[in-house]
């Protein structure tokens, strides 16, 4: 073990050598030898041959992939170390220790019926022999730790829960709450804990049924509830799910629990987009990908990816949004699903933004992507089209079409689609409903109706209650104002417009918005 640490300390900074690779190098064996030992252990346990090969093991050593709970257990068994010694900060599913102690084989064997003769393979249960010098062999015996099942695990109620509950109580009492460093630190610490504890746990099917119903309920409430209040509710349940992940569970229940974790983490990422914190949004989507990878559900992984594409779409580079949308389509495959319909629509919006920036080949590609998206959408079930967060509704599809047409300069088609979307959204769907109204303002702006555009955008923001005035909506309105200033210069109406936007809003301190963005060329506007 000391040799492995020395290899990691010396080679890690220079060549990126991971701990799991350092252990293999310390033993002086090839990838094929480790694979053979893992397969032998599977056979001893009466399990089918694993799919672990040299390519997958190399990916573990390079850090491109992380072993699942079962493979991690067998790698620990082969190297006789705990997961943290291989660079993985999570307990093993077996609940037993893998540490080793050295026994000198030249020492006299114990007397009595348990005495074993030299050369007998079962001299020590669970032990292996490694070469020493010419005259002796060293026996490595696995030290088994106490079984976790012998006693209950402590329930980890952390400081994050206290901060979230206090914030929720303040919101319920009608008090003003600011997104300070303590709150955001608690949010990120909770997400990090979920990253560290996405391992097997023991839960009942009935409990999972209840959590799945709760998660789907959040999808229905997603846009009707103020973002900060919604974040507190979701993360309190996310914390409960994390604690369940910290306990042992049967393999057949692990997938359902990880699915819930992926959905709650993805929903938290969506809320952080609304609040304007891009870093935490991406972190939650990364956690959602980790949980989704444990389920082997390509549709879920595709949903996480296409939802993550909204981060660069609203706050970053549309080229990155385009890349993520196409990646989601590859994950979704040919079977109709939420992501398979939403991904082409997101691709079309990203291409529309690129066309607005002057990319000549983007317009026809955007129209083709809309056709593909609508074709898949028409094949979705009613369950897939009834949820704004975990599904993809007709009003969202229509909104995406109108946004794309607007950016392509087809103002008539854009206004028709956006007008239809307004009739489909409920008054409580505040985020998307306001975004549609702001897109109509942008459509009128591109058509040359400056006063109407500013009036429409201002009205959309002013009609929002303060607790619903999230960063994504104010940010989109400021983009319209910046485009007006870049094209037509300053004006009294524009100054009144910015004054209306300077009111209180729910935003993140890491995403501060100035009262009046500087004028930028229209080609640079998202």
Protein backbone atom coordinates (compact mmCIF):
# COMPACT_ATOMS: atom_id res chain seq x y z
CA UNK A 1 0.00 0.00 0.00
CA UNK A 2 2.89 2.32 0.76
CA UNK A 3 4.34 1.64 -2.68
CA UNK A 4 1.00 2.50 -4.28
CA UNK A 5 0.86 5.80 -2.41
CA UNK A 6 4.44 6.57 -3.44
CA UNK A 7 3.59 5.88 -7.09
CA UNK A 8 0.52 8.08 -6.87
CA UNK A 9 2.41 10.91 -5.16
CA UNK A 10 5.25 10.86 -7.69
CA UNK A 11 3.38 10.08 -10.93
CA UNK A 12 0.01 11.66 -10.22
CA UNK A 13 1.07 15.29 -10.72
CA UNK A 14 3.13 14.43 -13.81
CA UNK A 15 1.05 11.80 -15.59
CA UNK A 16 -2.32 11.90 -13.84
CA UNK A 17 -1.86 8.43 -12.37
CA UNK A 18 -4.94 7.56 -10.32
CA UNK A 19 -4.91 5.65 -7.04
CA UNK A 20 -6.55 2.58 -8.56
CA UNK A 21 -3.87 2.48 -11.27
CA UNK A 22 -1.13 3.06 -8.69
CA UNK A 23 -2.27 -0.06 -6.80
CA UNK A 24 -2.05 -2.16 -9.95
CA UNK A 25 1.39 -0.82 -10.77
CA UNK A 26 2.51 -1.46 -7.19
CA UNK A 27 1.57 -5.13 -7.63
CA UNK A 28 3.42 -5.23 -10.96
CA UNK A 29 0.53 -6.86 -12.84
CA UNK A 30 -1.22 -6.13 -16.12
CA UNK A 31 -4.82 -5.09 -16.69
CA UNK A 32 -5.60 -8.63 -17.87
CA UNK A 33 -4.41 -10.04 -14.53
CA UNK A 34 -6.81 -7.84 -12.54
CA UNK A 35 -9.66 -8.71 -14.90
CA UNK A 36 -8.91 -12.41 -14.47
CA UNK A 37 -8.92 -12.10 -10.67
CA UNK A 38 -12.24 -10.24 -10.67
CA UNK A 39 -13.78 -12.90 -12.91
CA UNK A 40 -12.45 -15.62 -10.62
CA UNK A 41 -14.07 -13.96 -7.61
CA UNK A 42 -17.37 -13.74 -9.50
CA UNK A 43 -17.11 -17.46 -10.22
CA UNK A 44 -16.35 -18.26 -6.58
CA UNK A 45 -19.45 -16.30 -5.55
CA UNK A 46 -21.55 -18.23 -8.05
CA UNK A 47 -22.27 -15.20 -10.21
CA UNK A 48 -22.31 -14.97 -14.03
CA UNK A 49 -19.11 -13.79 -15.64
CA UNK A 50 -18.85 -9.97 -15.37
CA UNK A 51 -18.66 -7.68 -18.38
CA UNK A 52 -15.54 -6.08 -16.93
CA UNK A 53 -12.74 -6.03 -19.49
CA UNK A 54 -9.41 -4.34 -19.97
CA UNK A 55 -11.02 -1.37 -21.75
CA UNK A 56 -13.46 -0.67 -18.92
CA UNK A 57 -10.79 -1.15 -16.26
CA UNK A 58 -8.54 1.25 -18.16
CA UNK A 59 -11.39 3.79 -18.16
CA UNK A 60 -11.62 3.44 -14.37
CA UNK A 61 -7.88 4.02 -14.04
CA UNK A 62 -8.01 7.04 -16.36
CA UNK A 63 -10.90 8.61 -14.47
CA UNK A 64 -13.25 8.60 -17.47
CA UNK A 65 -15.65 6.28 -15.67
CA UNK A 66 -16.37 5.32 -12.09
CA UNK A 67 -16.95 1.68 -11.11
CA UNK A 68 -20.42 0.81 -9.92
CA UNK A 69 -20.96 -0.52 -6.40
CA UNK A 70 -20.50 -4.18 -7.40
CA UNK A 71 -17.33 -3.73 -9.46
CA UNK A 72 -15.90 -1.44 -6.78
CA UNK A 73 -16.46 -4.19 -4.19
CA UNK A 74 -14.52 -6.73 -6.25
CA UNK A 75 -11.70 -4.31 -7.03
CA UNK A 76 -11.37 -3.68 -3.29
CA UNK A 77 -11.34 -7.45 -2.74
CA UNK A 78 -8.57 -7.93 -5.30
CA UNK A 79 -6.38 -5.15 -3.93
CA UNK A 80 -7.33 -5.81 -0.28
CA UNK A 81 -8.02 -2.14 0.45
CA UNK A 82 -10.99 0.05 1.25
CA UNK A 83 -12.65 2.18 -1.48
CA UNK A 84 -11.03 5.40 -0.22
CA UNK A 85 -7.58 3.87 -0.81
CA UNK A 86 -8.55 3.45 -4.48
CA UNK A 87 -9.68 7.07 -4.66
CA UNK A 88 -13.44 6.53 -4.21
CA UNK A 89 -15.05 8.26 -1.25
CA UNK A 90 -17.94 5.88 -0.69
CA UNK A 91 -18.41 2.76 1.45
CA UNK A 92 -18.40 -0.71 -0.07
CA UNK A 93 -21.73 -2.45 -0.57
CA UNK A 94 -20.59 -5.52 1.33
CA UNK A 95 -20.45 -3.58 4.60
CA UNK A 96 -17.21 -5.34 5.49
CA UNK A 97 -13.62 -4.23 5.64
CA UNK A 98 -11.07 -5.12 3.00
CA UNK A 99 -7.95 -4.13 4.97
CA UNK A 100 -5.09 -6.62 5.15
CA UNK A 101 -2.69 -7.86 7.75
CA UNK A 102 0.56 -9.64 7.04
CA UNK A 103 1.25 -13.07 8.55
CA UNK A 104 4.68 -14.64 8.38
CA UNK A 105 4.24 -18.05 6.78
CA UNK A 106 7.49 -19.25 8.41
CA UNK A 107 5.93 -18.91 11.85
CA UNK A 108 4.71 -22.17 13.41
CA UNK A 109 1.12 -23.07 12.61
CA UNK A 110 -1.35 -23.36 15.49
CA UNK A 111 -1.81 -26.70 17.17
CA UNK A 112 -5.10 -28.52 17.15
CA UNK A 113 -7.72 -29.56 14.61
CA UNK A 114 -7.51 -26.23 12.80
CA UNK A 115 -3.84 -26.80 11.94
CA UNK A 116 -3.30 -26.90 8.16
CA UNK A 117 -0.44 -28.61 6.41
CA UNK A 118 1.88 -26.71 4.12
CA UNK A 119 0.62 -26.33 0.58
CA UNK A 120 -3.05 -26.67 1.47
CA UNK A 121 -5.01 -24.00 -0.49
CA UNK A 122 -7.39 -23.17 2.37
CA UNK A 123 -4.73 -22.42 4.97
CA UNK A 124 -6.37 -19.05 5.55
CA UNK A 125 -9.92 -18.24 4.57
CA UNK A 126 -10.02 -15.47 2.00
CA UNK A 127 -6.23 -15.24 1.83
CA UNK A 128 -3.86 -15.04 -1.12
CA UNK A 129 -0.15 -15.80 -1.39
CA UNK A 130 2.33 -13.34 -2.86
CA UNK A 131 6.05 -13.99 -3.45
CA UNK A 132 8.50 -13.03 -0.71
CA UNK A 133 12.15 -13.99 -0.95
CA UNK A 134 13.69 -17.35 -1.89
CA UNK A 135 13.10 -18.96 1.51
CA UNK A 136 9.69 -17.67 2.57
CA UNK A 137 6.25 -16.67 1.43
CA UNK A 138 4.11 -13.91 2.88
CA UNK A 139 0.47 -14.63 3.49
CA UNK A 140 -2.01 -11.78 3.11
CA UNK A 141 -5.19 -12.34 5.04
CA UNK A 142 -8.25 -10.21 4.60
CA UNK A 143 -9.44 -8.60 7.79
CA UNK A 144 -13.21 -8.53 7.88
CA UNK A 145 -14.84 -5.58 9.54
CA UNK A 146 -18.13 -5.68 11.39
CA UNK A 147 -21.19 -6.20 9.27
CA UNK A 148 -23.22 -3.01 8.93
CA UNK A 149 -26.42 -4.98 9.38
CA UNK A 150 -25.48 -5.73 12.99
CA UNK A 151 -26.57 -2.27 14.10
CA UNK A 152 -28.54 0.69 12.79
CA UNK A 153 -26.75 3.48 11.00
CA UNK A 154 -26.99 6.95 12.46
CA UNK A 155 -29.27 9.40 10.72
CA UNK A 156 -27.28 12.32 9.37
CA UNK A 157 -29.28 15.48 9.91
CA UNK A 158 -26.80 18.09 8.77
CA UNK A 159 -26.47 21.83 8.98
CA UNK A 160 -27.84 22.06 5.43
CA UNK A 161 -31.27 20.89 6.62
CA UNK A 162 -31.28 23.52 9.35
CA UNK A 163 -30.47 26.31 6.87
CA UNK A 164 -33.12 25.12 4.39
CA UNK A 165 -35.81 24.72 7.04
CA UNK A 166 -35.06 28.16 8.48
CA UNK A 167 -35.29 29.70 5.00
CA UNK A 168 -38.55 27.88 4.32
CA UNK A 169 -40.06 29.09 7.59
CA UNK A 170 -39.03 32.66 6.78
CA UNK A 171 -40.68 32.38 3.36
CA UNK A 172 -43.87 30.98 4.86
CA UNK A 173 -43.89 33.85 7.34
CA UNK A 174 -43.68 36.34 4.48
CA UNK A 175 -40.23 37.61 5.42
CA UNK A 176 -37.77 38.71 2.78
CA UNK A 177 -34.99 36.21 2.19
CA UNK A 178 -31.70 36.96 0.43
CA UNK A 179 -29.62 34.32 -1.31
CA UNK A 180 -26.48 34.70 0.76
CA UNK A 181 -23.31 32.65 0.88
CA UNK A 182 -24.53 30.52 3.79
CA UNK A 183 -27.64 29.41 1.90
CA UNK A 184 -25.78 28.67 -1.34
CA UNK A 185 -23.05 26.88 0.62
CA UNK A 186 -25.67 24.68 2.28
CA UNK A 187 -27.23 23.93 -1.11
CA UNK A 188 -23.90 22.91 -2.65
CA UNK A 189 -22.84 20.91 0.44
CA UNK A 190 -26.07 18.94 0.21
CA UNK A 191 -25.42 18.21 -3.46
CA UNK A 192 -21.86 17.12 -2.66
CA UNK A 193 -23.13 14.76 0.03
CA UNK A 194 -25.40 13.16 -2.54
CA UNK A 195 -22.38 12.72 -4.82
CA UNK A 196 -20.55 10.98 -1.98
CA UNK A 197 -23.40 8.71 -0.94
CA UNK A 198 -24.85 7.42 -4.22
CA UNK A 199 -24.38 3.85 -3.06
CA UNK A 200 -26.70 0.98 -2.24
CA UNK A 201 -29.22 1.37 0.58
CA UNK A 202 -32.15 -0.49 2.10
CA UNK A 203 -35.62 0.92 1.46
CA UNK A 204 -39.03 -0.62 1.05
CA UNK A 205 -40.90 -0.67 -2.28
CA UNK A 206 -43.79 1.17 -0.62
CA UNK A 207 -41.47 3.97 0.48
CA UNK A 208 -40.09 4.26 -3.04
CA UNK A 209 -43.65 4.44 -4.43
CA UNK A 210 -44.28 7.42 -2.16
CA UNK A 211 -41.04 9.17 -3.15
CA UNK A 212 -41.78 8.65 -6.84
CA UNK A 213 -45.23 10.18 -6.40
CA UNK A 214 -43.71 13.11 -4.50
CA UNK A 215 -41.13 13.68 -7.23
CA UNK A 216 -43.75 13.67 -9.98
CA UNK A 217 -45.80 16.07 -7.89
CA UNK A 218 -42.91 18.51 -7.93
CA UNK A 219 -42.97 18.34 -11.71
CA UNK A 220 -46.58 19.50 -11.64
CA UNK A 221 -45.85 22.35 -9.19
CA UNK A 222 -42.56 23.38 -10.79
CA UNK A 223 -43.67 26.65 -12.42
CA UNK A 224 -46.58 27.50 -10.14
CA UNK A 225 -44.42 27.70 -6.99
CA UNK A 226 -41.88 30.50 -6.42
CA UNK A 227 -38.40 29.27 -7.32
CA UNK A 228 -36.79 29.74 -3.90
CA UNK A 229 -39.69 28.09 -2.08
CA UNK A 230 -39.63 25.24 -4.59
CA UNK A 231 -35.88 24.79 -4.12
CA UNK A 232 -36.28 24.43 -0.36
CA UNK A 233 -39.02 21.81 -0.72
CA UNK A 234 -37.12 19.81 -3.35
CA UNK A 235 -33.81 19.87 -1.49
CA UNK A 236 -35.36 18.80 1.81
CA UNK A 237 -36.65 15.68 0.06
CA UNK A 238 -33.36 15.39 -1.81
CA UNK A 239 -31.67 15.27 1.61
CA UNK A 240 -33.97 12.44 2.70
CA UNK A 241 -33.18 10.48 -0.45
CA UNK A 242 -29.46 11.03 0.16
CA UNK A 243 -29.81 9.53 3.65
CA UNK A 244 -31.59 6.52 2.18
CA UNK A 245 -28.74 6.13 -0.30
CA UNK A 246 -26.34 5.99 2.65
CA UNK A 247 -27.86 2.70 3.82
CA UNK A 248 -27.73 -0.75 2.32
CA UNK A 249 -30.39 -1.75 -0.17
CA UNK A 250 -31.18 -4.68 -2.46
CA UNK A 251 -29.92 -4.25 -6.00
CA UNK A 252 -33.45 -4.31 -7.44
CA UNK A 253 -34.38 -1.19 -5.43
CA UNK A 254 -31.18 0.71 -6.08
CA UNK A 255 -32.17 1.69 -9.62
CA UNK A 256 -35.45 3.23 -8.47
CA UNK A 257 -33.73 5.20 -5.72
CA UNK A 258 -31.06 6.50 -8.10
CA UNK A 259 -33.79 7.48 -10.57
CA UNK A 260 -35.45 9.60 -7.87
CA UNK A 261 -32.08 11.16 -7.01
CA UNK A 262 -31.45 11.98 -10.68
CA UNK A 263 -34.88 13.56 -11.10
CA UNK A 264 -34.65 15.65 -7.91
CA UNK A 265 -31.12 16.75 -8.77
CA UNK A 266 -32.15 17.63 -12.34
CA UNK A 267 -35.13 19.58 -11.03
CA UNK A 268 -32.81 21.45 -8.65
CA UNK A 269 -30.64 22.29 -11.66
CA UNK A 270 -33.67 23.74 -13.46
CA UNK A 271 -34.52 25.87 -10.44
CA UNK A 272 -30.94 27.13 -10.21
CA UNK A 273 -31.21 28.18 -13.88
CA UNK A 274 -34.24 30.26 -12.94
CA UNK A 275 -32.32 31.78 -10.02
CA UNK A 276 -29.39 32.60 -12.28
CA UNK A 277 -26.66 30.51 -10.63
CA UNK A 278 -25.04 28.77 -13.58
CA UNK A 279 -22.33 27.03 -11.56
CA UNK A 280 -24.72 25.35 -9.15
CA UNK A 281 -27.07 24.49 -12.01
CA UNK A 282 -24.29 22.63 -13.81
CA UNK A 283 -23.22 20.96 -10.57
CA UNK A 284 -26.72 19.62 -9.96
CA UNK A 285 -26.92 18.32 -13.52
CA UNK A 286 -23.56 16.61 -13.00
CA UNK A 287 -24.95 14.94 -9.88
CA UNK A 288 -28.05 13.97 -11.84
CA UNK A 289 -25.85 12.34 -14.49
CA UNK A 290 -24.02 10.37 -11.80
CA UNK A 291 -27.30 9.07 -10.42
CA UNK A 292 -28.76 8.40 -13.88
CA UNK A 293 -25.68 6.39 -14.86
CA UNK A 294 -26.46 4.01 -12.01
CA UNK A 295 -29.85 3.23 -13.57
CA UNK A 296 -28.60 2.35 -17.07
CA UNK A 297 -31.71 4.19 -18.35
CA UNK A 298 -30.76 5.98 -21.57
CA UNK A 299 -34.00 7.96 -21.61
CA UNK A 300 -33.30 9.37 -18.15
CA UNK A 301 -29.71 10.22 -19.09
CA UNK A 302 -31.00 11.92 -22.24
CA UNK A 303 -33.53 13.93 -20.19
CA UNK A 304 -30.76 15.16 -17.87
CA UNK A 305 -28.58 16.13 -20.85
CA UNK A 306 -31.26 18.02 -22.76
CA UNK A 307 -32.30 19.88 -19.62
CA UNK A 308 -28.68 20.83 -18.99
CA UNK A 309 -28.60 22.35 -22.49
CA UNK A 310 -30.86 25.12 -21.18
CA UNK A 311 -27.98 26.51 -19.09
CA UNK A 312 -25.85 27.64 -22.06
CA UNK A 313 -28.98 28.44 -24.05
CA UNK A 314 -30.06 31.18 -21.65
CA UNK A 315 -26.73 32.18 -20.11
CA UNK A 316 -23.88 30.91 -22.26
CA UNK A 317 -22.96 29.89 -25.77
CA UNK A 318 -25.70 28.52 -28.08
CA UNK A 319 -23.04 26.33 -29.68
CA UNK A 320 -22.70 24.43 -26.41
CA UNK A 321 -26.49 24.15 -26.17
CA UNK A 322 -26.47 22.74 -29.71
CA UNK A 323 -23.82 20.18 -28.74
CA UNK A 324 -25.73 19.03 -25.64
CA UNK A 325 -29.01 18.83 -27.58
CA UNK A 326 -27.44 16.57 -30.21
CA UNK A 327 -25.80 14.47 -27.50
CA UNK A 328 -29.22 14.02 -25.89
CA UNK A 329 -30.64 12.85 -29.22
CA UNK A 330 -27.91 10.22 -29.49
CA UNK A 331 -28.70 9.01 -25.96
CA UNK A 332 -32.45 8.96 -26.60
CA UNK A 333 -32.14 6.78 -29.71
CA UNK A 334 -35.00 6.14 -32.10
CA UNK A 335 -37.67 5.27 -29.55
CA UNK A 336 -40.12 8.16 -28.94
CA UNK A 337 -39.50 9.73 -25.54
CA UNK A 338 -39.55 13.10 -23.78
CA UNK A 339 -35.89 13.76 -24.55
CA UNK A 340 -36.20 12.46 -28.12
CA UNK A 341 -38.85 15.14 -28.80
CA UNK A 342 -37.36 17.95 -26.73
CA UNK A 343 -33.77 17.59 -27.97
CA UNK A 344 -34.53 18.51 -31.64
CA UNK A 345 -36.61 21.46 -30.42
CA UNK A 346 -33.71 22.69 -28.26
CA UNK A 347 -31.39 22.12 -31.22
CA UNK A 348 -33.68 24.30 -33.35
CA UNK A 349 -33.65 27.11 -30.74
CA UNK A 350 -29.85 27.00 -30.54
CA UNK A 351 -29.56 27.08 -34.33
CA UNK A 352 -32.00 30.00 -34.41
CA UNK A 353 -29.73 31.92 -32.04
CA UNK A 354 -26.74 31.14 -34.24
CA UNK A 355 -28.69 32.28 -37.30
CA UNK A 356 -29.43 35.55 -35.48
CA UNK A 357 -25.68 35.93 -35.00
CA UNK A 358 -25.10 35.56 -38.71
CA UNK A 359 -24.41 31.86 -39.23
CA UNK A 360 -25.78 31.31 -42.72
CA UNK A 361 -26.29 27.53 -42.68
CA UNK A 362 -28.16 27.54 -39.35
CA UNK A 363 -31.61 28.58 -40.62
CA UNK A 364 -32.42 25.54 -42.81
CA UNK A 365 -30.98 23.20 -40.18
CA UNK A 366 -33.19 24.82 -37.53
CA UNK A 367 -36.33 24.29 -39.62
CA UNK A 368 -35.44 20.64 -40.22
CA UNK A 369 -34.85 20.16 -36.48
CA UNK A 370 -38.30 21.60 -35.73
CA UNK A 371 -39.89 19.16 -38.14
CA UNK A 372 -38.08 16.24 -36.48
CA UNK A 373 -39.07 17.43 -33.03
CA UNK A 374 -42.74 17.84 -33.94
CA UNK A 375 -42.79 14.40 -35.60
CA UNK A 376 -41.49 12.71 -32.44
CA UNK A 377 -43.70 14.85 -30.20
CA UNK A 378 -46.82 13.65 -32.04
CA UNK A 379 -45.91 10.07 -31.04
CA UNK A 380 -45.60 10.75 -27.30
CA UNK A 381 -48.07 9.35 -24.79
CA UNK A 382 -50.36 11.51 -22.67
CA UNK A 383 -48.13 10.90 -19.63
CA UNK A 384 -45.11 12.25 -21.52
CA UNK A 385 -46.91 15.44 -22.59
CA UNK A 386 -48.55 16.33 -19.27
CA UNK A 387 -45.63 17.63 -17.20
CA UNK A 388 -43.57 20.81 -17.62
CA UNK A 389 -40.51 19.47 -15.79
CA UNK A 390 -40.23 15.73 -16.47
CA UNK A 391 -42.33 15.75 -19.64
CA UNK A 392 -42.57 17.89 -22.78
CA UNK A 393 -45.93 19.56 -23.30
CA UNK A 394 -47.65 20.92 -26.40
CA UNK A 395 -47.35 24.45 -25.00
CA UNK A 396 -43.59 24.00 -24.59
CA UNK A 397 -43.23 22.62 -28.11
CA UNK A 398 -45.23 25.55 -29.50
CA UNK A 399 -43.16 28.01 -27.45
CA UNK A 400 -39.93 26.51 -28.85
CA UNK A 401 -41.28 26.77 -32.39
CA UNK A 402 -42.23 30.42 -31.90
CA UNK A 403 -38.83 31.24 -30.38
CA UNK A 404 -37.04 29.59 -33.33
CA UNK A 405 -39.14 31.37 -35.97
CA UNK A 406 -38.55 34.70 -34.20
CA UNK A 407 -34.77 34.26 -34.27
CA UNK A 408 -34.91 33.17 -37.92
CA UNK A 409 -36.61 36.44 -38.81
CA UNK A 410 -39.97 34.83 -39.65
CA UNK A 411 -41.93 37.29 -37.53
CA UNK A 412 -45.37 36.29 -38.73
CA UNK A 413 -44.90 32.57 -38.03
CA UNK A 414 -43.16 33.40 -34.76
CA UNK A 415 -45.95 35.65 -33.50
CA UNK A 416 -48.62 33.11 -34.50
CA UNK A 417 -46.85 30.29 -32.63
CA UNK A 418 -46.20 32.43 -29.56
CA UNK A 419 -49.80 33.70 -29.52
CA UNK A 420 -51.02 30.10 -29.60
CA UNK A 421 -48.61 29.16 -26.80
CA UNK A 422 -50.07 31.93 -24.62
CA UNK A 423 -53.50 30.31 -24.91
CA UNK A 424 -52.11 26.91 -23.88
CA UNK A 425 -50.26 27.95 -20.72
CA UNK A 426 -52.10 28.22 -17.43
CA UNK A 427 -51.80 31.52 -15.49
CA UNK A 428 -49.80 29.62 -12.83
CA UNK A 429 -47.10 28.53 -15.32
CA UNK A 430 -45.31 31.76 -14.60
CA UNK A 431 -41.78 31.06 -15.86
CA UNK A 432 -42.59 29.79 -19.34
CA UNK A 433 -45.61 32.06 -19.67
CA UNK A 434 -43.43 35.12 -19.02
CA UNK A 435 -40.71 33.84 -21.35
CA UNK A 436 -43.32 33.48 -24.10
CA UNK A 437 -44.46 37.08 -23.55
CA UNK A 438 -40.85 38.28 -23.65
CA UNK A 439 -40.33 36.33 -26.87
CA UNK A 440 -43.34 38.11 -28.35
CA UNK A 441 -41.66 41.38 -27.37
CA UNK A 442 -38.50 40.24 -29.15
CA UNK A 443 -40.56 39.29 -32.20
CA UNK A 444 -42.07 42.79 -32.34
CA UNK A 445 -38.61 44.28 -31.87
CA UNK A 446 -37.21 42.34 -34.84
CA UNK A 447 -40.20 43.49 -36.87
CA UNK A 448 -39.29 47.12 -36.09
CA UNK A 449 -42.02 47.91 -33.53
CA UNK A 450 -39.77 49.32 -30.82
CA UNK A 451 -42.34 50.94 -28.52
CA UNK A 452 -44.61 47.89 -28.64
CA UNK A 453 -41.67 45.60 -27.86
CA UNK A 454 -40.60 47.59 -24.79
CA UNK A 455 -44.18 47.93 -23.57
CA UNK A 456 -44.82 44.19 -23.92
CA UNK A 457 -41.61 43.25 -22.11
CA UNK A 458 -42.19 45.76 -19.33
CA UNK A 459 -45.75 44.60 -18.79
CA UNK A 460 -44.61 40.95 -18.64
CA UNK A 461 -42.15 41.72 -15.81
CA UNK A 462 -44.31 44.17 -13.87
CA UNK A 463 -47.22 41.73 -13.67
CA UNK A 464 -45.04 39.15 -11.93
CA UNK A 465 -45.25 38.95 -8.13
CA UNK A 466 -41.87 39.70 -6.56
CA UNK A 467 -41.34 36.12 -5.40
CA UNK A 468 -41.73 34.91 -9.01
CA UNK A 469 -39.45 37.56 -10.55
CA UNK A 470 -36.51 35.20 -11.00
CA UNK A 471 -33.19 36.01 -12.64
CA UNK A 472 -33.88 34.17 -15.89
CA UNK A 473 -36.89 36.41 -16.63
CA UNK A 474 -35.20 39.70 -15.73
CA UNK A 475 -32.12 38.61 -17.68
CA UNK A 476 -34.20 37.92 -20.80
CA UNK A 477 -35.92 41.31 -20.50
CA UNK A 478 -32.56 43.04 -20.17
CA UNK A 479 -31.44 41.37 -23.39
CA UNK A 480 -34.35 43.01 -25.19
CA UNK A 481 -33.42 46.38 -23.73
CA UNK A 482 -29.77 45.92 -24.73
CA UNK A 483 -30.80 45.12 -28.30
CA UNK A 484 -32.95 48.29 -28.46
CA UNK A 485 -30.08 50.40 -27.16
CA UNK A 486 -27.61 48.85 -29.63
CA UNK A 487 -29.90 49.50 -32.61
CA UNK A 488 -31.60 52.76 -31.73
CA UNK A 489 -29.63 54.35 -28.89
CA UNK A 490 -30.94 55.59 -25.58
CA UNK A 491 -34.41 57.06 -25.12
CA UNK A 492 -36.75 58.13 -22.29
CA UNK A 493 -38.90 55.04 -22.85
CA UNK A 494 -35.84 52.78 -22.60
CA UNK A 495 -34.80 54.47 -19.35
CA UNK A 496 -38.30 53.90 -17.95
CA UNK A 497 -38.05 50.30 -19.09
CA UNK A 498 -34.81 49.74 -17.15
CA UNK A 499 -36.24 51.48 -14.12
CA UNK A 500 -39.12 49.00 -14.14
CA UNK A 501 -36.61 46.13 -14.24
CA UNK A 502 -34.60 47.50 -11.32
CA UNK A 503 -37.21 46.38 -8.79
CA UNK A 504 -36.64 43.51 -6.35
CA UNK A 505 -36.10 40.08 -7.86
CA UNK A 506 -35.11 36.60 -6.74
CA UNK A 507 -31.56 36.14 -7.97
CA UNK A 508 -28.20 34.75 -6.96
CA UNK A 509 -25.39 36.97 -5.64
CA UNK A 510 -23.00 35.12 -7.95
CA UNK A 511 -25.05 36.35 -10.93
CA UNK A 512 -25.42 40.07 -10.38
CA UNK A 513 -27.19 42.01 -13.12
CA UNK A 514 -26.37 45.69 -13.69
CA UNK A 515 -29.29 48.08 -13.95
CA UNK A 516 -28.56 48.86 -17.58
CA UNK A 517 -26.40 46.56 -19.72
CA UNK A 518 -23.99 48.30 -22.09
CA UNK A 519 -24.96 48.49 -25.71
CA UNK A 520 -23.76 45.50 -27.72
CA UNK A 521 -24.13 44.70 -31.41
CA UNK A 522 -27.29 42.78 -32.33
CA UNK A 523 -25.14 39.94 -33.68
CA UNK A 524 -23.89 39.33 -30.14
CA UNK A 525 -27.35 39.11 -28.60
CA UNK A 526 -28.54 35.67 -27.53
